[in-house]
Amino acid sequence: MNSKICHSLCLIFTTILISKAFANNDLVDDLIAYNIVTFDSSSLFGNDIPVNLSHFQTENYISSGVYRTSIFLNGQNIGDIDTKFDHLDGSLSAVLCIDNELINKINFTQEFLENISKNKCLLINDISKDAYYVFHKEILKLDLFIPQKFIKEYPKGYINSKLFNKGVTSSFIGYNFNYNKEKNSESKYLGLSGGLNLLDWYFRHNGTFEAHSNNFQKYNSSQNVLYKDINKLNSRLSIGQFNTQNYNIESIPILGIQISSDAEMLPWSQRSYAPIIENVAYTNALINIYQNGQKIYEKNVPTGPFKISDLVTHADGDILLEINEIGGEKRTFIIPFQNSFNLLKKGRINYNIALGEYYFKNSNSDDYVFQNNIHYGLSNNTTSILGLNITNGFYSLLLGSSFSTILGGLNLQLEHQKSKYLNQNI
């Protein structure tokens, strides 16, 4: 009888201890971590087949090695790469090694690369305390979440210049002919346009021929120009007979050379003015932007500082920025905005530099002309303007600025001209 009572008491005491132990998760984790509680692997296949079950003692255990993974940066697929995991921080599971190959794939900003540690393997926290990753080893997918501030993001409409095609060698010609006859007269008009594409160069021609009754006129060409695109500068080189690029000063026909910016080479979201918006997300957040009661932009951003530089709007009216955090918190900010035809995005430049002889009706003068136009976006609400025109006996200088203010758009321009006529200053 005493023996049965003793066994019963021992069983009850043991049950209480086990219940309390498993009710405390931290205690269980500590027991497993220090190998106090283990599973006898011989019970699976017997003593003759040893099985190492240590990997299962760590949640989401990752073995060290190289995995071919699909990389998703802040939710966007940036391609596949061989990713290395190793024991770098003393934990039982291997952690992500951010090596040079992965750094190049992520496409960090130049400022970040200059300040980053030069170690062969960086930990995710070496990038930012707000950065983290999730590795889905069952499908070999790596989700990286890095504050947008450190990432060189491309605007909407961006196309990698490596994908540009020079085209094929080709030529074309077009014409427009019109004949008109009245009672005592008749007129004929012929317009010709043509071109030749060869390697990186392309030639363009435009001209007209007119005849009235029996009076024939000469063929007049308005364009004979050789073009070459300069992708790195988003610019075009022009050589020959053409009209200069007009930004602030009047366009004129010359026979010469010009280099000028070409807005068509920019992503479509960068061709028109809109403010660059910077703020901070406390969690992975949804960004909504409204103007005049309509949503014009939406984007998900990770925790940390973010920048929106590809906003497009052609309307006037204040902009409302809405930040929706994961926990339900919503923050709003009002950005005064007034569109102006002379404003450029911050950091963008429009320019032209031209030199040549003034050309008019198939003949060129002996007077050389130099033109220079510059538009530069100094900030979100200020654009500087410079125009210069110089020729024999004449010059003009244009200085100005465009502003977007709380009261509306404002353009200020100051122009100084000086010319000589019959050796007299005018």
Protein backbone atom coordinates (compact mmCIF):
# COMPACT_ATOMS: atom_id res chain seq x y z
CA MET A 1 0.00 0.00 0.00
CA ASN A 2 2.78 2.38 0.91
CA SER A 3 4.57 1.52 -2.34
CA LYS A 4 1.49 2.41 -4.42
CA ILE A 5 1.10 5.75 -2.62
CA CYS A 6 4.78 6.54 -3.21
CA HIS A 7 4.52 5.75 -6.92
CA SER A 8 1.37 7.87 -7.21
CA LEU A 9 2.97 10.83 -5.49
CA CYS A 10 6.06 10.59 -7.73
CA LEU A 11 3.87 10.46 -10.83
CA ILE A 12 1.87 13.52 -9.74
CA PHE A 13 5.04 15.45 -8.86
CA THR A 14 6.65 14.61 -12.20
CA THR A 15 3.52 15.62 -14.11
CA ILE A 16 3.42 19.00 -12.35
CA LEU A 17 7.06 19.70 -13.16
CA ILE A 18 6.66 18.80 -16.83
CA SER A 19 3.46 20.88 -17.12
CA LYS A 20 5.15 23.94 -15.62
CA ALA A 21 8.19 23.46 -17.79
CA PHE A 22 6.22 23.29 -21.05
CA ALA A 23 4.00 26.18 -19.94
CA ASN A 24 7.09 28.39 -19.91
CA ASN A 25 8.37 28.73 -23.50
CA ASP A 26 11.56 30.47 -22.43
CA LEU A 27 12.42 27.56 -20.15
CA VAL A 28 11.80 25.06 -22.96
CA ASP A 29 14.00 27.05 -25.33
CA ASP A 30 16.76 27.17 -22.74
CA LEU A 31 16.54 23.42 -22.13
CA ILE A 32 16.83 22.72 -25.84
CA ALA A 33 19.60 25.26 -26.40
CA TYR A 34 21.77 23.75 -23.69
CA ASN A 35 20.99 20.18 -24.80
CA ILE A 36 19.30 19.44 -21.45
CA VAL A 37 16.28 18.13 -23.33
CA THR A 38 17.11 16.01 -26.39
CA PHE A 39 15.44 13.45 -28.59
CA ASP A 40 16.90 9.96 -28.77
CA SER A 41 17.49 9.51 -32.52
CA SER A 42 18.05 5.74 -32.10
CA SER A 43 14.32 5.35 -31.60
CA LEU A 44 13.81 6.21 -35.30
CA PHE A 45 15.88 3.50 -37.01
CA GLY A 46 17.66 1.78 -34.16
CA ASN A 47 21.16 2.05 -32.77
CA ASP A 48 22.78 0.93 -36.03
CA ILE A 49 21.71 4.06 -38.00
CA PRO A 50 22.74 7.28 -36.22
CA VAL A 51 20.72 10.36 -37.20
CA ASN A 52 21.82 13.94 -36.49
CA LEU A 53 18.78 15.90 -35.35
CA SER A 54 20.61 18.99 -34.06
CA HIS A 55 19.36 21.05 -37.03
CA PHE A 56 15.79 20.70 -35.82
CA GLN A 57 16.60 22.28 -32.46
CA THR A 58 16.71 25.75 -34.14
CA GLU A 59 13.63 27.31 -35.70
CA ASN A 60 13.98 27.90 -39.47
CA TYR A 61 17.45 26.42 -39.43
CA ILE A 62 19.63 27.22 -42.47
CA SER A 63 22.71 25.14 -43.24
CA SER A 64 25.82 26.99 -44.34
CA GLY A 65 26.45 26.91 -48.08
CA VAL A 66 25.58 28.57 -51.38
CA TYR A 67 21.98 28.67 -52.63
CA ARG A 68 20.68 29.75 -56.03
CA THR A 69 17.92 32.11 -54.93
CA SER A 70 15.45 34.56 -56.42
CA ILE A 71 16.10 37.95 -54.84
CA PHE A 72 13.18 40.26 -54.02
CA LEU A 73 14.17 43.73 -52.87
CA ASN A 74 11.36 45.54 -51.06
CA GLY A 75 8.87 43.34 -52.90
CA GLN A 76 10.40 43.71 -56.40
CA ASN A 77 12.18 40.87 -58.18
CA ILE A 78 15.73 41.90 -59.09
CA GLY A 79 16.87 38.54 -60.47
CA ASP A 80 18.51 35.27 -59.45
CA ILE A 81 21.92 35.01 -57.83
CA ASP A 82 24.13 32.55 -55.90
CA THR A 83 23.61 33.56 -52.28
CA LYS A 84 25.95 32.55 -49.48
CA PHE A 85 24.90 31.67 -45.92
CA ASP A 86 27.50 31.16 -43.20
CA HIS A 87 27.97 31.13 -39.40
CA LEU A 88 28.96 34.78 -38.92
CA ASP A 89 27.31 35.86 -35.66
CA GLY A 90 27.64 32.84 -33.35
CA SER A 91 24.09 31.58 -33.83
CA LEU A 92 23.34 27.93 -34.53
CA SER A 93 21.77 28.72 -37.90
CA ALA A 94 23.78 30.21 -40.77
CA VAL A 95 23.01 33.83 -41.63
CA LEU A 96 23.06 35.77 -44.89
CA CYS A 97 26.47 36.84 -46.18
CA ILE A 98 26.13 40.10 -48.12
CA ASP A 99 29.12 39.89 -50.45
CA ASN A 100 30.22 42.11 -53.36
CA GLU A 101 28.07 40.21 -55.86
CA LEU A 102 24.93 40.75 -53.81
CA ILE A 103 25.85 44.39 -53.14
CA ASN A 104 26.13 45.02 -56.89
CA LYS A 105 22.80 43.31 -57.44
CA ILE A 106 21.05 45.45 -54.83
CA ASN A 107 22.30 48.64 -56.51
CA PHE A 108 23.01 50.80 -53.47
CA THR A 109 23.46 54.55 -53.77
CA GLN A 110 26.96 55.84 -54.39
CA GLU A 111 26.95 57.69 -51.05
CA PHE A 112 26.15 54.47 -49.19
CA LEU A 113 28.87 52.50 -51.03
CA GLU A 114 31.48 55.08 -50.06
CA ASN A 115 30.68 54.70 -46.36
CA ILE A 116 30.04 50.97 -46.17
CA SER A 117 32.50 48.56 -44.51
CA LYS A 118 34.84 46.74 -46.90
CA ASN A 119 34.42 43.32 -45.24
CA LYS A 120 34.02 40.32 -47.53
CA CYS A 121 30.78 39.41 -45.75
CA LEU A 122 28.40 41.97 -44.26
CA LEU A 123 25.52 41.18 -41.95
CA ILE A 124 22.09 42.62 -42.69
CA ASN A 125 22.37 44.88 -39.62
CA ASP A 126 25.62 46.32 -40.99
CA ILE A 127 23.48 48.00 -43.66
CA SER A 128 20.84 49.44 -41.32
CA LYS A 129 19.21 48.58 -38.03
CA ASP A 130 15.89 48.70 -39.88
CA ALA A 131 16.98 46.22 -42.57
CA TYR A 132 16.03 42.54 -42.39
CA TYR A 133 15.49 39.51 -44.60
CA VAL A 134 13.32 36.40 -44.83
CA PHE A 135 14.68 33.29 -46.55
CA HIS A 136 12.08 30.87 -47.92
CA LYS A 137 14.31 27.85 -48.34
CA GLU A 138 11.49 25.61 -49.58
CA ILE A 139 11.21 27.75 -52.77
CA LEU A 140 14.70 29.33 -52.65
CA LYS A 141 13.37 32.87 -52.40
CA LEU A 142 15.11 35.65 -50.46
CA ASP A 143 13.07 38.69 -49.42
CA LEU A 144 15.24 41.69 -48.57
CA PHE A 145 13.79 44.71 -46.80
CA ILE A 146 16.15 47.69 -46.85
CA PRO A 147 15.25 51.36 -46.23
CA GLN A 148 14.64 53.03 -49.56
CA LYS A 149 17.07 55.82 -48.68
CA PHE A 150 20.02 53.48 -49.32
CA ILE A 151 18.71 52.09 -52.61
CA LYS A 152 19.27 53.68 -55.99
CA GLU A 153 15.78 53.29 -57.37
CA TYR A 154 14.96 53.90 -61.02
CA PRO A 155 12.02 56.11 -61.97
CA LYS A 156 8.96 54.91 -63.84
CA GLY A 157 9.69 54.48 -67.52
CA TYR A 158 13.41 53.80 -66.99
CA ILE A 159 15.13 51.56 -69.53
CA ASN A 160 18.68 50.34 -69.01
CA SER A 161 20.95 51.90 -71.65
CA LYS A 162 22.47 48.44 -72.21
CA LEU A 163 19.18 47.48 -73.81
CA PHE A 164 19.25 50.35 -76.31
CA ASN A 165 19.35 49.28 -79.95
CA LYS A 166 21.30 51.26 -82.52
CA GLY A 167 18.90 50.11 -85.20
CA VAL A 168 19.68 48.76 -88.64
CA THR A 169 21.36 50.45 -91.56
CA SER A 170 18.52 51.92 -93.59
CA SER A 171 17.35 54.89 -95.63
CA PHE A 172 14.01 56.45 -96.48
CA ILE A 173 12.47 59.23 -98.54
CA GLY A 174 9.11 60.97 -98.41
CA TYR A 175 7.43 63.60 -100.52
CA ASN A 176 4.48 65.94 -100.57
CA PHE A 177 3.36 67.26 -103.96
CA ASN A 178 0.62 69.80 -104.61
CA TYR A 179 -0.57 71.25 -107.94
CA ASN A 180 -3.02 74.13 -108.17
CA LYS A 181 -4.38 75.66 -111.38
CA GLU A 182 -6.53 78.72 -111.74
CA LYS A 183 -7.84 80.60 -114.78
CA ASN A 184 -4.68 82.49 -115.65
CA SER A 185 -2.03 80.86 -113.40
CA GLU A 186 -0.83 77.64 -111.91
CA SER A 187 1.45 76.69 -109.03
CA LYS A 188 3.42 73.60 -108.10
CA TYR A 189 4.86 72.63 -104.72
CA LEU A 190 7.12 69.71 -103.89
CA GLY A 191 8.34 68.93 -100.36
CA LEU A 192 10.99 66.29 -99.82
CA SER A 193 12.21 64.61 -96.63
CA GLY A 194 14.72 61.80 -96.34
CA GLY A 195 17.26 60.16 -94.12
CA LEU A 196 20.02 57.61 -93.77
CA ASN A 197 20.83 55.57 -90.64
CA LEU A 198 24.35 54.14 -90.44
CA LEU A 199 25.92 52.74 -87.25
CA ASP A 200 25.53 55.39 -84.50
CA TRP A 201 24.88 58.24 -86.92
CA TYR A 202 21.78 59.32 -88.77
CA PHE A 203 21.38 61.95 -91.48
CA ARG A 204 18.19 63.97 -92.05
CA HIS A 205 17.19 66.24 -94.93
CA ASN A 206 14.20 68.51 -95.55
CA GLY A 207 13.66 70.79 -98.57
CA THR A 208 11.06 72.39 -100.83
CA PHE A 209 10.67 73.35 -104.48
CA GLU A 210 8.07 75.82 -105.78
CA ALA A 211 7.06 77.00 -109.25
CA HIS A 212 4.49 79.60 -110.24
CA SER A 213 3.26 79.54 -113.86
CA ASN A 214 6.44 79.58 -115.92
CA ASN A 215 8.67 80.99 -113.15
CA PHE A 216 10.81 78.28 -111.59
CA GLN A 217 12.46 78.83 -108.22
CA LYS A 218 15.52 77.17 -106.73
CA TYR A 219 15.29 74.16 -104.48
CA ASN A 220 15.50 75.37 -100.86
CA SER A 221 16.77 73.06 -98.14
CA SER A 222 15.81 73.76 -94.54
CA GLN A 223 17.70 70.89 -92.93
CA ASN A 224 20.85 68.94 -93.77
CA VAL A 225 22.06 67.61 -90.47
CA LEU A 226 24.03 64.67 -89.11
CA TYR A 227 22.92 63.50 -85.65
CA LYS A 228 24.53 61.31 -82.98
CA ASP A 229 22.97 60.44 -79.63
CA ILE A 230 25.12 60.63 -76.49
CA ASN A 231 23.31 58.32 -74.07
CA LYS A 232 25.41 59.02 -70.99
CA LEU A 233 24.53 62.72 -71.19
CA ASN A 234 20.96 62.25 -72.42
CA SER A 235 22.02 64.57 -75.22
CA ARG A 236 22.28 64.82 -79.01
CA LEU A 237 25.12 66.08 -81.19
CA SER A 238 24.07 67.95 -84.36
CA ILE A 239 26.42 68.85 -87.24
CA GLY A 240 25.34 70.66 -90.40
CA GLN A 241 22.39 72.90 -91.28
CA PHE A 242 19.68 73.06 -88.61
CA ASN A 243 17.74 75.29 -86.21
CA THR A 244 19.22 75.70 -82.74
CA GLN A 245 17.44 74.30 -79.67
CA ASN A 246 15.20 76.89 -78.06
CA TYR A 247 14.86 77.11 -74.26
CA ASN A 248 15.07 80.82 -73.41
CA ILE A 249 16.54 82.51 -76.49
CA GLU A 250 14.97 82.51 -79.93
CA SER A 251 15.89 79.57 -82.15
CA ILE A 252 17.85 80.54 -85.29
CA PRO A 253 19.03 78.63 -88.40
CA ILE A 254 22.78 78.05 -88.52
CA LEU A 255 25.39 76.06 -90.37
CA GLY A 256 27.52 74.66 -87.60
CA ILE A 257 27.56 72.34 -84.59
CA GLN A 258 25.43 71.94 -81.48
CA ILE A 259 25.16 69.69 -78.44
CA SER A 260 21.90 69.84 -76.51
CA SER A 261 19.89 67.85 -73.96
CA ASP A 262 17.08 65.69 -75.30
CA ALA A 263 14.08 65.19 -73.00
CA GLU A 264 12.90 62.24 -75.10
CA MET A 265 15.89 60.23 -73.82
CA LEU A 266 14.68 60.55 -70.21
CA PRO A 267 12.17 58.22 -68.55
CA TRP A 268 8.68 59.58 -69.14
CA SER A 269 8.24 60.29 -65.42
CA GLN A 270 11.23 62.69 -65.47
CA ARG A 271 10.25 64.89 -68.41
CA SER A 272 7.87 67.20 -66.57
CA TYR A 273 8.11 69.05 -63.28
CA ALA A 274 6.89 67.62 -59.97
CA PRO A 275 8.36 67.93 -56.45
CA ILE A 276 10.63 65.27 -54.94
CA ILE A 277 9.02 64.07 -51.70
CA GLU A 278 11.08 62.82 -48.74
CA ASN A 279 9.82 61.47 -45.42
CA VAL A 280 10.20 58.56 -42.96
CA ALA A 281 8.13 55.39 -42.57
CA TYR A 282 8.02 53.90 -39.08
CA THR A 283 7.00 50.46 -40.44
CA ASN A 284 6.50 48.92 -43.87
CA ALA A 285 4.04 51.52 -45.11
CA LEU A 286 1.67 52.30 -47.97
CA ILE A 287 2.20 55.74 -49.48
CA ASN A 288 -0.74 57.50 -51.14
CA ILE A 289 -0.50 60.90 -52.84
CA TYR A 290 -3.57 62.96 -53.71
CA GLN A 291 -4.11 66.14 -55.69
CA ASN A 292 -7.44 67.94 -56.05
CA GLY A 293 -9.15 64.98 -54.37
CA GLN A 294 -7.76 62.39 -56.81
CA LYS A 295 -5.14 59.74 -56.09
CA ILE A 296 -2.17 60.26 -58.43
CA TYR A 297 0.44 57.97 -56.86
CA GLU A 298 0.70 54.85 -54.67
CA LYS A 299 3.71 52.92 -53.47
CA ASN A 300 4.81 50.48 -50.72
CA VAL A 301 7.99 51.48 -48.89
CA PRO A 302 10.03 49.65 -46.21
CA THR A 303 10.79 50.94 -42.74
CA GLY A 304 13.05 54.00 -42.70
CA PRO A 305 13.61 57.10 -44.82
CA PHE A 306 12.09 57.12 -48.30
CA LYS A 307 12.18 59.37 -51.35
CA ILE A 308 9.65 59.67 -54.18
CA SER A 309 11.26 61.17 -57.28
CA ASP A 310 9.03 59.79 -60.06
CA LEU A 311 5.81 61.64 -59.28
CA VAL A 312 4.04 62.94 -62.40
CA THR A 313 1.40 65.66 -62.39
CA HIS A 314 0.35 68.26 -64.93
CA ALA A 315 -2.28 69.96 -62.78
CA ASP A 316 -2.13 72.81 -60.28
CA GLY A 317 -3.12 72.45 -56.63
CA ASP A 318 -1.65 71.40 -53.29
CA ILE A 319 -0.41 67.81 -52.92
CA LEU A 320 -1.53 65.64 -50.00
CA LEU A 321 0.94 62.99 -48.79
CA GLU A 322 -0.62 60.12 -46.82
CA ILE A 323 1.53 57.54 -44.95
CA ASN A 324 -0.36 54.42 -43.81
CA GLU A 325 1.61 52.37 -41.27
CA ILE A 326 1.08 48.64 -40.64
CA GLY A 327 -0.45 49.21 -37.19
CA GLY A 328 -3.19 51.42 -38.61
CA GLU A 329 -1.51 54.76 -37.89
CA LYS A 330 -2.09 57.34 -40.64
CA ARG A 331 -0.07 60.53 -41.09
CA THR A 332 -0.79 63.28 -43.63
CA PHE A 333 1.26 66.20 -44.92
CA ILE A 334 0.31 69.05 -47.28
CA ILE A 335 2.84 70.14 -49.93
CA PRO A 336 2.08 73.49 -51.64
CA PHE A 337 2.35 73.04 -55.41
CA GLN A 338 1.93 75.33 -58.38
CA ASN A 339 3.04 74.15 -61.81
CA SER A 340 5.16 76.52 -63.89
CA PHE A 341 6.33 76.07 -67.46
CA ASN A 342 9.94 76.93 -66.53
CA LEU A 343 10.31 74.68 -63.48
CA LEU A 344 12.42 71.50 -63.61
CA LYS A 345 12.76 68.60 -61.19
CA LYS A 346 15.52 69.02 -58.63
CA GLY A 347 18.89 68.07 -60.13
CA ARG A 348 17.68 67.96 -63.75
CA ILE A 349 19.31 70.16 -66.44
CA ASN A 350 18.23 71.33 -69.89
CA TYR A 351 20.94 72.94 -71.99
CA ASN A 352 22.29 73.65 -75.44
CA ILE A 353 25.61 74.95 -76.78
CA ALA A 354 25.69 75.96 -80.46
CA LEU A 355 28.27 77.59 -82.71
CA GLY A 356 28.06 78.31 -86.42
CA GLU A 357 27.29 80.73 -89.23
CA TYR A 358 23.84 82.27 -89.60
CA TYR A 359 22.12 80.47 -92.50
CA PHE A 360 19.10 81.77 -94.42
CA LYS A 361 17.57 80.77 -97.78
CA ASN A 362 20.39 78.54 -98.97
CA SER A 363 23.14 81.00 -98.13
CA ASN A 364 25.23 81.56 -95.04
CA SER A 365 26.61 84.86 -93.77
CA ASP A 366 30.13 85.56 -92.59
CA ASP A 367 28.83 86.26 -89.10
CA TYR A 368 29.41 83.58 -86.50
CA VAL A 369 26.76 82.97 -83.86
CA PHE A 370 27.24 81.45 -80.40
CA GLN A 371 24.26 80.39 -78.29
CA ASN A 372 24.05 78.89 -74.81
CA ASN A 373 20.91 78.02 -72.82
CA ILE A 374 20.87 76.44 -69.36
CA HIS A 375 17.93 75.44 -67.16
CA TYR A 376 18.83 73.80 -63.84
CA GLY A 377 16.57 72.57 -61.04
CA LEU A 378 18.18 73.93 -57.88
CA SER A 379 15.54 72.64 -55.47
CA ASN A 380 11.96 71.43 -55.32
CA ASN A 381 10.64 74.94 -55.92
CA THR A 382 13.46 76.85 -57.65
CA THR A 383 14.91 76.62 -61.16
CA SER A 384 17.73 78.84 -62.43
CA ILE A 385 17.79 80.20 -66.00
CA LEU A 386 20.71 81.38 -68.14
CA GLY A 387 20.71 82.44 -71.79
CA LEU A 388 23.58 83.83 -73.88
CA ASN A 389 23.60 84.94 -77.51
CA ILE A 390 26.75 86.41 -79.12
CA THR A 391 27.47 87.46 -82.71
CA ASN A 392 29.39 90.18 -84.53
CA GLY A 393 28.28 93.53 -83.14
CA PHE A 394 25.61 92.07 -80.85
CA TYR A 395 25.21 90.16 -77.62
CA SER A 396 22.41 89.44 -75.17
CA LEU A 397 22.51 87.98 -71.67
CA LEU A 398 19.45 86.53 -69.93
CA LEU A 399 19.34 85.68 -66.22
CA GLY A 400 16.31 84.46 -64.36
CA SER A 401 14.65 82.07 -61.94
CA SER A 402 11.34 80.27 -61.65
CA PHE A 403 9.70 79.66 -58.29
CA SER A 404 6.81 77.60 -56.96
CA THR A 405 5.49 79.44 -53.91
CA ILE A 406 2.53 79.16 -51.59
CA LEU A 407 1.03 82.09 -53.52
CA GLY A 408 1.53 80.45 -56.94
CA GLY A 409 4.10 80.19 -59.72
CA LEU A 410 6.55 83.06 -60.26
CA ASN A 411 8.97 83.73 -63.14
CA LEU A 412 11.64 86.43 -62.92
CA GLN A 413 13.85 87.25 -65.92
CA LEU A 414 16.36 90.01 -66.56
CA GLU A 415 17.82 90.49 -70.05
CA HIS A 416 20.64 92.80 -71.13
CA GLN A 417 21.36 93.47 -74.82
CA LYS A 418 24.00 95.47 -76.60
CA SER A 419 24.51 95.97 -80.33
CA LYS A 420 26.46 98.12 -82.80
CA TYR A 421 25.05 99.78 -85.90
CA LEU A 422 27.30 101.88 -88.12
CA ASN A 423 29.96 101.67 -85.39
CA GLN A 424 27.57 103.13 -82.83
CA ASN A 425 26.49 101.33 -79.66
CA ILE A 426 22.76 100.76 -79.36
